[in-house]
């Protein structure tokens, strides 16, 4: 089996898709944040019962942390005077 056929490829693809969808989320956009959390839960549930589920959760948390960091920076920079 190649890496592209492995569960890890599927996991990375799911998390990459999530990061791509939400990379530009604004800190104040509560509705999108709620949807993001639901999407993360859906991805984690998809791999529930698999030995790789802890990896999925860790990768999802890393993506969420980065999305939050960028969202705060974007929101803060919008408030700075020109």
PDB file of N, CA and C in Angstrom:
ATOM      1  N   UNK A   1       0.843  -1.165   0.000  1.00  0.00           N
ATOM      2  CA  UNK A   1       0.000   0.000   0.000  1.00  0.00           C
ATOM      3  C   UNK A   1       0.904   1.250   0.000  1.00  0.00           C
ATOM      4  N   UNK A   2       0.565   2.200  -0.833  1.00  0.00           N
ATOM      5  CA  UNK A   2       1.326   3.446  -0.869  1.00  0.00           C
ATOM      6  C   UNK A   2       0.783   4.409   0.186  1.00  0.00           C
ATOM      7  N   UNK A   3       1.551   5.450   0.451  1.00  0.00           N
ATOM      8  CA  UNK A   3       1.104   6.445   1.433  1.00  0.00           C
ATOM      9  C   UNK A   3      -0.211   7.082   0.985  1.00  0.00           C
ATOM     10  N   UNK A   4      -0.359   7.311  -0.330  1.00  0.00           N
ATOM     11  CA  UNK A   4      -1.581   7.937  -0.847  1.00  0.00           C
ATOM     12  C   UNK A   4      -2.818   7.076  -0.626  1.00  0.00           C
ATOM     13  N   UNK A   5      -2.626   5.815  -0.359  1.00  0.00           N
ATOM     14  CA  UNK A   5      -3.741   4.904  -0.095  1.00  0.00           C
ATOM     15  C   UNK A   5      -3.938   4.663   1.401  1.00  0.00           C
ATOM     16  N   UNK A   6      -3.093   5.241   2.217  1.00  0.00           N
ATOM     17  CA  UNK A   6      -3.133   4.973   3.658  1.00  0.00           C
ATOM     18  C   UNK A   6      -4.138   5.857   4.379  1.00  0.00           C
ATOM     19  N   UNK A   7      -4.447   5.471   5.588  1.00  0.00           N
ATOM     20  CA  UNK A   7      -5.344   6.257   6.423  1.00  0.00           C
ATOM     21  C   UNK A   7      -4.717   7.621   6.757  1.00  0.00           C
ATOM     22  N   UNK A   8      -3.381   7.658   6.825  1.00  0.00           N
ATOM     23  CA  UNK A   8      -2.723   8.932   7.121  1.00  0.00           C
ATOM     24  C   UNK A   8      -2.952   9.946   6.009  1.00  0.00           C
ATOM     25  N   UNK A   9      -2.946   9.504   4.786  1.00  0.00           N
ATOM     26  CA  UNK A   9      -3.220  10.408   3.670  1.00  0.00           C
ATOM     27  C   UNK A   9      -4.632  10.977   3.813  1.00  0.00           C
ATOM     28  N   UNK A  10      -5.591  10.130   4.158  1.00  0.00           N
ATOM     29  CA  UNK A  10      -6.981  10.568   4.335  1.00  0.00           C
ATOM     30  C   UNK A  10      -7.098  11.564   5.490  1.00  0.00           C
ATOM     31  N   UNK A  11      -6.393  11.297   6.568  1.00  0.00           N
ATOM     32  CA  UNK A  11      -6.411  12.190   7.728  1.00  0.00           C
ATOM     33  C   UNK A  11      -5.848  13.554   7.344  1.00  0.00           C
ATOM     34  N   UNK A  12      -4.671  13.561   6.730  1.00  0.00           N
ATOM     35  CA  UNK A  12      -4.065  14.829   6.309  1.00  0.00           C
ATOM     36  C   UNK A  12      -4.972  15.569   5.332  1.00  0.00           C
ATOM     37  N   UNK A  13      -5.601  14.852   4.426  1.00  0.00           N
ATOM     38  CA  UNK A  13      -6.502  15.480   3.458  1.00  0.00           C
ATOM     39  C   UNK A  13      -7.698  16.120   4.167  1.00  0.00           C
ATOM     40  N   UNK A  14      -8.264  15.428   5.146  1.00  0.00           N
ATOM     41  CA  UNK A  14      -9.400  15.982   5.890  1.00  0.00           C
ATOM     42  C   UNK A  14      -9.001  17.246   6.653  1.00  0.00           C
ATOM     43  N   UNK A  15      -7.863  17.202   7.337  1.00  0.00           N
ATOM     44  CA  UNK A  15      -7.423  18.361   8.121  1.00  0.00           C
ATOM     45  C   UNK A  15      -7.000  19.495   7.198  1.00  0.00           C
ATOM     46  N   UNK A  16      -6.355  19.179   6.097  1.00  0.00           N
ATOM     47  CA  UNK A  16      -5.975  20.205   5.132  1.00  0.00           C
ATOM     48  C   UNK A  16      -7.217  20.892   4.566  1.00  0.00           C
ATOM     49  N   UNK A  17      -8.246  20.112   4.247  1.00  0.00           N
ATOM     50  CA  UNK A  17      -9.503  20.681   3.751  1.00  0.00           C
ATOM     51  C   UNK A  17     -10.132  21.611   4.781  1.00  0.00           C
ATOM     52  N   UNK A  18     -10.104  21.212   6.023  1.00  0.00           N
ATOM     53  CA  UNK A  18     -10.622  22.036   7.110  1.00  0.00           C
ATOM     54  C   UNK A  18      -9.838  23.340   7.211  1.00  0.00           C
ATOM     55  N   UNK A  19      -8.512  23.242   7.226  1.00  0.00           N
ATOM     56  CA  UNK A  19      -7.659  24.429   7.332  1.00  0.00           C
ATOM     57  C   UNK A  19      -7.896  25.351   6.140  1.00  0.00           C
ATOM     58  N   UNK A  20      -8.021  24.796   4.975  1.00  0.00           N
ATOM     59  CA  UNK A  20      -8.259  25.580   3.769  1.00  0.00           C
ATOM     60  C   UNK A  20      -9.594  26.322   3.837  1.00  0.00           C
ATOM     61  N   UNK A  21     -10.625  25.672   4.353  1.00  0.00           N
ATOM     62  CA  UNK A  21     -11.954  26.290   4.454  1.00  0.00           C
ATOM     63  C   UNK A  21     -11.991  27.436   5.458  1.00  0.00           C
ATOM     64  N   UNK A  22     -11.223  27.315   6.525  1.00  0.00           N
ATOM     65  CA  UNK A  22     -11.358  28.261   7.632  1.00  0.00           C
ATOM     66  C   UNK A  22     -10.128  29.131   7.877  1.00  0.00           C
ATOM     67  N   UNK A  23      -9.138  29.115   7.008  1.00  0.00           N
ATOM     68  CA  UNK A  23      -7.878  29.822   7.288  1.00  0.00           C
ATOM     69  C   UNK A  23      -8.062  31.322   7.481  1.00  0.00           C
ATOM     70  N   UNK A  24      -9.093  31.896   6.903  1.00  0.00           N
ATOM     71  CA  UNK A  24      -9.267  33.346   6.982  1.00  0.00           C
ATOM     72  C   UNK A  24     -10.436  33.760   7.880  1.00  0.00           C
ATOM     73  N   UNK A  25     -10.802  32.919   8.806  1.00  0.00           N
ATOM     74  CA  UNK A  25     -11.917  33.206   9.711  1.00  0.00           C
ATOM     75  C   UNK A  25     -11.567  34.390  10.615  1.00  0.00           C
ATOM     76  N   UNK A  26     -12.521  35.241  10.840  1.00  0.00           N
ATOM     77  CA  UNK A  26     -12.327  36.405  11.699  1.00  0.00           C
ATOM     78  C   UNK A  26     -12.669  36.037  13.143  1.00  0.00           C
ATOM     79  N   UNK A  27     -11.995  36.672  14.063  1.00  0.00           N
ATOM     80  CA  UNK A  27     -12.187  36.397  15.492  1.00  0.00           C
ATOM     81  C   UNK A  27     -13.641  36.605  15.914  1.00  0.00           C
ATOM     82  N   UNK A  28     -14.315  37.585  15.324  1.00  0.00           N
ATOM     83  CA  UNK A  28     -15.672  37.939  15.746  1.00  0.00           C
ATOM     84  C   UNK A  28     -16.763  37.168  14.997  1.00  0.00           C
ATOM     85  N   UNK A  29     -16.412  36.267  14.125  1.00  0.00           N
ATOM     86  CA  UNK A  29     -17.390  35.538  13.321  1.00  0.00           C
ATOM     87  C   UNK A  29     -17.844  34.274  14.055  1.00  0.00           C
ATOM     88  N   UNK A  30     -18.704  34.466  15.044  1.00  0.00           N
ATOM     89  CA  UNK A  30     -19.135  33.364  15.908  1.00  0.00           C
ATOM     90  C   UNK A  30     -19.777  32.210  15.143  1.00  0.00           C
ATOM     91  N   UNK A  31     -20.554  32.519  14.129  1.00  0.00           N
ATOM     92  CA  UNK A  31     -21.244  31.471  13.380  1.00  0.00           C
ATOM     93  C   UNK A  31     -20.247  30.552  12.673  1.00  0.00           C
ATOM     94  N   UNK A  32     -19.222  31.124  12.062  1.00  0.00           N
ATOM     95  CA  UNK A  32     -18.207  30.294  11.395  1.00  0.00           C
ATOM     96  C   UNK A  32     -17.388  29.497  12.402  1.00  0.00           C
ATOM     97  N   UNK A  33     -17.116  30.085  13.587  1.00  0.00           N
ATOM     98  CA  UNK A  33     -16.381  29.347  14.621  1.00  0.00           C
ATOM     99  C   UNK A  33     -17.174  28.127  15.070  1.00  0.00           C
ATOM    100  N   UNK A  34     -18.485  28.301  15.228  1.00  0.00           N
ATOM    101  CA  UNK A  34     -19.330  27.169  15.623  1.00  0.00           C
ATOM    102  C   UNK A  34     -19.311  26.076  14.556  1.00  0.00           C
ATOM    103  N   UNK A  35     -19.366  26.500  13.290  1.00  0.00           N
ATOM    104  CA  UNK A  35     -19.318  25.541  12.195  1.00  0.00           C
ATOM    105  C   UNK A  35     -17.969  24.830  12.146  1.00  0.00           C
ATOM    106  N   UNK A  36     -16.900  25.573  12.395  1.00  0.00           N
ATOM    107  CA  UNK A  36     -15.557  24.983  12.440  1.00  0.00           C
ATOM    108  C   UNK A  36     -15.482  23.890  13.507  1.00  0.00           C
ATOM    109  N   UNK A  37     -15.975  24.183  14.688  1.00  0.00           N
ATOM    110  CA  UNK A  37     -15.941  23.200  15.784  1.00  0.00           C
ATOM    111  C   UNK A  37     -16.757  21.961  15.409  1.00  0.00           C
ATOM    112  N   UNK A  38     -17.923  22.161  14.786  1.00  0.00           N
ATOM    113  CA  UNK A  38     -18.731  21.017  14.347  1.00  0.00           C
ATOM    114  C   UNK A  38     -17.980  20.190  13.308  1.00  0.00           C
ATOM    115  N   UNK A  39     -17.303  20.868  12.392  1.00  0.00           N
ATOM    116  CA  UNK A  39     -16.539  20.153  11.367  1.00  0.00           C
ATOM    117  C   UNK A  39     -15.381  19.361  11.979  1.00  0.00           C
ATOM    118  N   UNK A  40     -14.724  19.943  12.968  1.00  0.00           N
ATOM    119  CA  UNK A  40     -13.652  19.215  13.668  1.00  0.00           C
ATOM    120  C   UNK A  40     -14.217  17.972  14.344  1.00  0.00           C
ATOM    121  N   UNK A  41     -15.337  18.115  15.017  1.00  0.00           N
ATOM    122  CA  UNK A  41     -15.960  16.966  15.677  1.00  0.00           C
ATOM    123  C   UNK A  41     -16.341  15.887  14.669  1.00  0.00           C
ATOM    124  N   UNK A  42     -16.841  16.298  13.515  1.00  0.00           N
ATOM    125  CA  UNK A  42     -17.213  15.343  12.470  1.00  0.00           C
ATOM    126  C   UNK A  42     -15.996  14.558  11.988  1.00  0.00           C
ATOM    127  N   UNK A  43     -14.882  15.270  11.782  1.00  0.00           N
ATOM    128  CA  UNK A  43     -13.654  14.583  11.350  1.00  0.00           C
ATOM    129  C   UNK A  43     -13.182  13.611  12.428  1.00  0.00           C
ATOM    130  N   UNK A  44     -13.183  14.041  13.674  1.00  0.00           N
ATOM    131  CA  UNK A  44     -12.736  13.158  14.768  1.00  0.00           C
ATOM    132  C   UNK A  44     -13.637  11.925  14.881  1.00  0.00           C
ATOM    133  N   UNK A  45     -14.944  12.127  14.740  1.00  0.00           N
ATOM    134  CA  UNK A  45     -15.874  10.997  14.813  1.00  0.00           C
ATOM    135  C   UNK A  45     -15.669  10.018  13.662  1.00  0.00           C
ATOM    136  N   UNK A  46     -15.265  10.540  12.505  1.00  0.00           N
ATOM    137  CA  UNK A  46     -15.017   9.704  11.328  1.00  0.00           C
ATOM    138  C   UNK A  46     -13.946   8.639  11.620  1.00  0.00           C
ATOM    139  N   UNK A  47     -12.987   8.993  12.457  1.00  0.00           N
ATOM    140  CA  UNK A  47     -11.878   8.080  12.756  1.00  0.00           C
ATOM    141  C   UNK A  47     -12.001   7.418  14.129  1.00  0.00           C
ATOM    142  N   UNK A  48     -13.112   7.623  14.802  1.00  0.00           N
ATOM    143  CA  UNK A  48     -13.338   6.991  16.109  1.00  0.00           C
ATOM    144  C   UNK A  48     -13.250   5.478  15.953  1.00  0.00           C
ATOM    145  N   UNK A  49     -12.542   4.851  16.857  1.00  0.00           N
ATOM    146  CA  UNK A  49     -12.364   3.403  16.804  1.00  0.00           C
ATOM    147  C   UNK A  49     -11.138   2.973  16.012  1.00  0.00           C
ATOM    148  N   UNK A  50     -10.504   3.916  15.338  1.00  0.00           N
ATOM    149  CA  UNK A  50      -9.271   3.629  14.589  1.00  0.00           C
ATOM    150  C   UNK A  50      -8.073   3.874  15.503  1.00  0.00           C
ATOM    151  N   UNK A  51      -6.999   3.131  15.338  1.00  0.00           N
ATOM    152  CA  UNK A  51      -5.807   3.360  16.166  1.00  0.00           C
ATOM    153  C   UNK A  51      -5.235   4.778  15.995  1.00  0.00           C
ATOM    154  N   UNK A  52      -5.525   5.409  14.862  1.00  0.00           N
ATOM    155  CA  UNK A  52      -4.979   6.735  14.563  1.00  0.00           C
ATOM    156  C   UNK A  52      -5.829   7.884  15.091  1.00  0.00           C
ATOM    157  N   UNK A  53      -6.872   7.599  15.852  1.00  0.00           N
ATOM    158  CA  UNK A  53      -7.789   8.656  16.294  1.00  0.00           C
ATOM    159  C   UNK A  53      -7.084   9.728  17.133  1.00  0.00           C
ATOM    160  N   UNK A  54      -6.124   9.345  17.952  1.00  0.00           N
ATOM    161  CA  UNK A  54      -5.409  10.343  18.761  1.00  0.00           C
ATOM    162  C   UNK A  54      -4.571  11.260  17.869  1.00  0.00           C
ATOM    163  N   UNK A  55      -4.018  10.711  16.801  1.00  0.00           N
ATOM    164  CA  UNK A  55      -3.290  11.520  15.828  1.00  0.00           C
ATOM    165  C   UNK A  55      -4.243  12.518  15.164  1.00  0.00           C
ATOM    166  N   UNK A  56      -5.424  12.068  14.806  1.00  0.00           N
ATOM    167  CA  UNK A  56      -6.435  12.945  14.198  1.00  0.00           C
ATOM    168  C   UNK A  56      -6.753  14.096  15.142  1.00  0.00           C
ATOM    169  N   UNK A  57      -6.985  13.791  16.406  1.00  0.00           N
ATOM    170  CA  UNK A  57      -7.316  14.835  17.389  1.00  0.00           C
ATOM    171  C   UNK A  57      -6.171  15.826  17.551  1.00  0.00           C
ATOM    172  N   UNK A  58      -4.946  15.325  17.606  1.00  0.00           N
ATOM    173  CA  UNK A  58      -3.785  16.206  17.767  1.00  0.00           C
ATOM    174  C   UNK A  58      -3.607  17.105  16.544  1.00  0.00           C
ATOM    175  N   UNK A  59      -3.776  16.535  15.370  1.00  0.00           N
ATOM    176  CA  UNK A  59      -3.637  17.321  14.143  1.00  0.00           C
ATOM    177  C   UNK A  59      -4.759  18.352  14.031  1.00  0.00           C
ATOM    178  N   UNK A  60      -5.964  17.970  14.417  1.00  0.00           N
ATOM    179  CA  UNK A  60      -7.091  18.898  14.399  1.00  0.00           C
ATOM    180  C   UNK A  60      -6.858  20.054  15.375  1.00  0.00           C
ATOM    181  N   UNK A  61      -6.332  19.741  16.551  1.00  0.00           N
ATOM    182  CA  UNK A  61      -6.037  20.801  17.526  1.00  0.00           C
ATOM    183  C   UNK A  61      -4.942  21.727  17.027  1.00  0.00           C
ATOM    184  N   UNK A  62      -3.948  21.176  16.357  1.00  0.00           N
ATOM    185  CA  UNK A  62      -2.882  22.014  15.791  1.00  0.00           C
ATOM    186  C   UNK A  62      -3.452  22.951  14.731  1.00  0.00           C
ATOM    187  N   UNK A  63      -4.321  22.441  13.887  1.00  0.00           N
ATOM    188  CA  UNK A  63      -4.945  23.284  12.862  1.00  0.00           C
ATOM    189  C   UNK A  63      -5.824  24.352  13.512  1.00  0.00           C
ATOM    190  N   UNK A  64      -6.599  23.964  14.518  1.00  0.00           N
ATOM    191  CA  UNK A  64      -7.452  24.924  15.219  1.00  0.00           C
ATOM    192  C   UNK A  64      -6.621  26.022  15.875  1.00  0.00           C
ATOM    193  N   UNK A  65      -5.535  25.659  16.511  1.00  0.00           N
ATOM    194  CA  UNK A  65      -4.659  26.638  17.159  1.00  0.00           C
ATOM    195  C   UNK A  65      -4.120  27.632  16.136  1.00  0.00           C
ATOM    196  N   UNK A  66      -3.710  27.138  14.997  1.00  0.00           N
ATOM    197  CA  UNK A  66      -3.181  28.027  13.944  1.00  0.00           C
ATOM    198  C   UNK A  66      -4.282  28.921  13.376  1.00  0.00           C
ATOM    199  N   UNK A  67      -5.458  28.368  13.153  1.00  0.00           N
ATOM    200  CA  UNK A  67      -6.585  29.157  12.647  1.00  0.00           C
ATOM    201  C   UNK A  67      -6.935  30.265  13.641  1.00  0.00           C
ATOM    202  N   UNK A  68      -6.944  29.937  14.933  1.00  0.00           N
ATOM    203  CA  UNK A  68      -7.213  30.945  15.972  1.00  0.00           C
ATOM    204  C   UNK A  68      -6.146  32.032  15.977  1.00  0.00           C
ATOM    205  N   UNK A  69      -4.896  31.639  15.883  1.00  0.00           N
ATOM    206  CA  UNK A  69      -3.791  32.612  15.902  1.00  0.00           C
ATOM    207  C   UNK A  69      -3.917  33.587  14.734  1.00  0.00           C
ATOM    208  N   UNK A  70      -4.144  33.059  13.563  1.00  0.00           N
ATOM    209  CA  UNK A  70      -4.266  33.905  12.375  1.00  0.00           C
ATOM    210  C   UNK A  70      -5.525  34.773  12.463  1.00  0.00           C
ATOM    211  N   UNK A  71      -6.610  34.217  12.982  1.00  0.00           N
ATOM    212  CA  UNK A  71      -7.845  34.981  13.133  1.00  0.00           C
ATOM    213  C   UNK A  71      -7.686  36.159  14.065  1.00  0.00           C
ATOM    214  N   UNK A  72      -6.960  35.958  15.162  1.00  0.00           N
ATOM    215  CA  UNK A  72      -6.714  37.064  16.103  1.00  0.00           C
ATOM    216  C   UNK A  72      -5.812  38.112  15.472  1.00  0.00           C
ATOM    217  N   UNK A  73      -4.773  37.679  14.772  1.00  0.00           N
ATOM    218  CA  UNK A  73      -3.858  38.630  14.131  1.00  0.00           C
ATOM    219  C   UNK A  73      -4.581  39.444  13.072  1.00  0.00           C
ATOM    220  N   UNK A  74      -5.434  38.797  12.290  1.00  0.00           N
ATOM    221  CA  UNK A  74      -6.177  39.495  11.244  1.00  0.00           C
ATOM    222  C   UNK A  74      -7.114  40.521  11.860  1.00  0.00           C
ATOM    223  N   UNK A  75      -7.802  40.119  12.917  1.00  0.00           N
ATOM    224  CA  UNK A  75      -8.733  41.027  13.578  1.00  0.00           C
ATOM    225  C   UNK A  75      -7.983  42.199  14.192  1.00  0.00           C
ATOM    226  N   UNK A  76      -6.857  41.944  14.837  1.00  0.00           N
ATOM    227  CA  UNK A  76      -6.073  43.018  15.452  1.00  0.00           C
ATOM    228  C   UNK A  76      -5.513  43.966  14.402  1.00  0.00           C
ATOM    229  N   UNK A  77      -5.024  43.443  13.298  1.00  0.00           N
ATOM    230  CA  UNK A  77      -4.438  44.311  12.275  1.00  0.00           C
ATOM    231  C   UNK A  77      -5.504  45.161  11.607  1.00  0.00           C
ATOM    232  N   UNK A  78      -6.754  44.696  11.575  1.00  0.00           N
ATOM    233  CA  UNK A  78      -7.844  45.495  11.014  1.00  0.00           C
ATOM    234  C   UNK A  78      -8.125  46.725  11.862  1.00  0.00           C
ATOM    235  N   UNK A  79      -7.798  46.645  13.142  1.00  0.00           N
ATOM    236  CA  UNK A  79      -8.088  47.736  14.069  1.00  0.00           C
ATOM    237  C   UNK A  79      -6.955  48.754  14.162  1.00  0.00           C
ATOM    238  N   UNK A  80      -5.811  48.425  13.588  1.00  0.00           N
ATOM    239  CA  UNK A  80      -4.665  49.333  13.664  1.00  0.00           C
ATOM    240  C   UNK A  80      -4.869  50.516  12.720  1.00  0.00           C
ATOM    241  N   UNK A  81      -4.446  51.726  13.146  1.00  0.00           N
ATOM    242  CA  UNK A  81      -4.562  52.877  12.241  1.00  0.00           C
ATOM    243  C   UNK A  81      -3.586  52.736  11.076  1.00  0.00           C
ATOM    244  N   UNK A  82      -3.931  53.320   9.970  1.00  0.00           N
ATOM    245  CA  UNK A  82      -3.051  53.249   8.778  1.00  0.00           C
ATOM    246  C   UNK A  82      -1.875  54.125   8.911  1.00  0.00           C
TER     247      UNK A  82
END
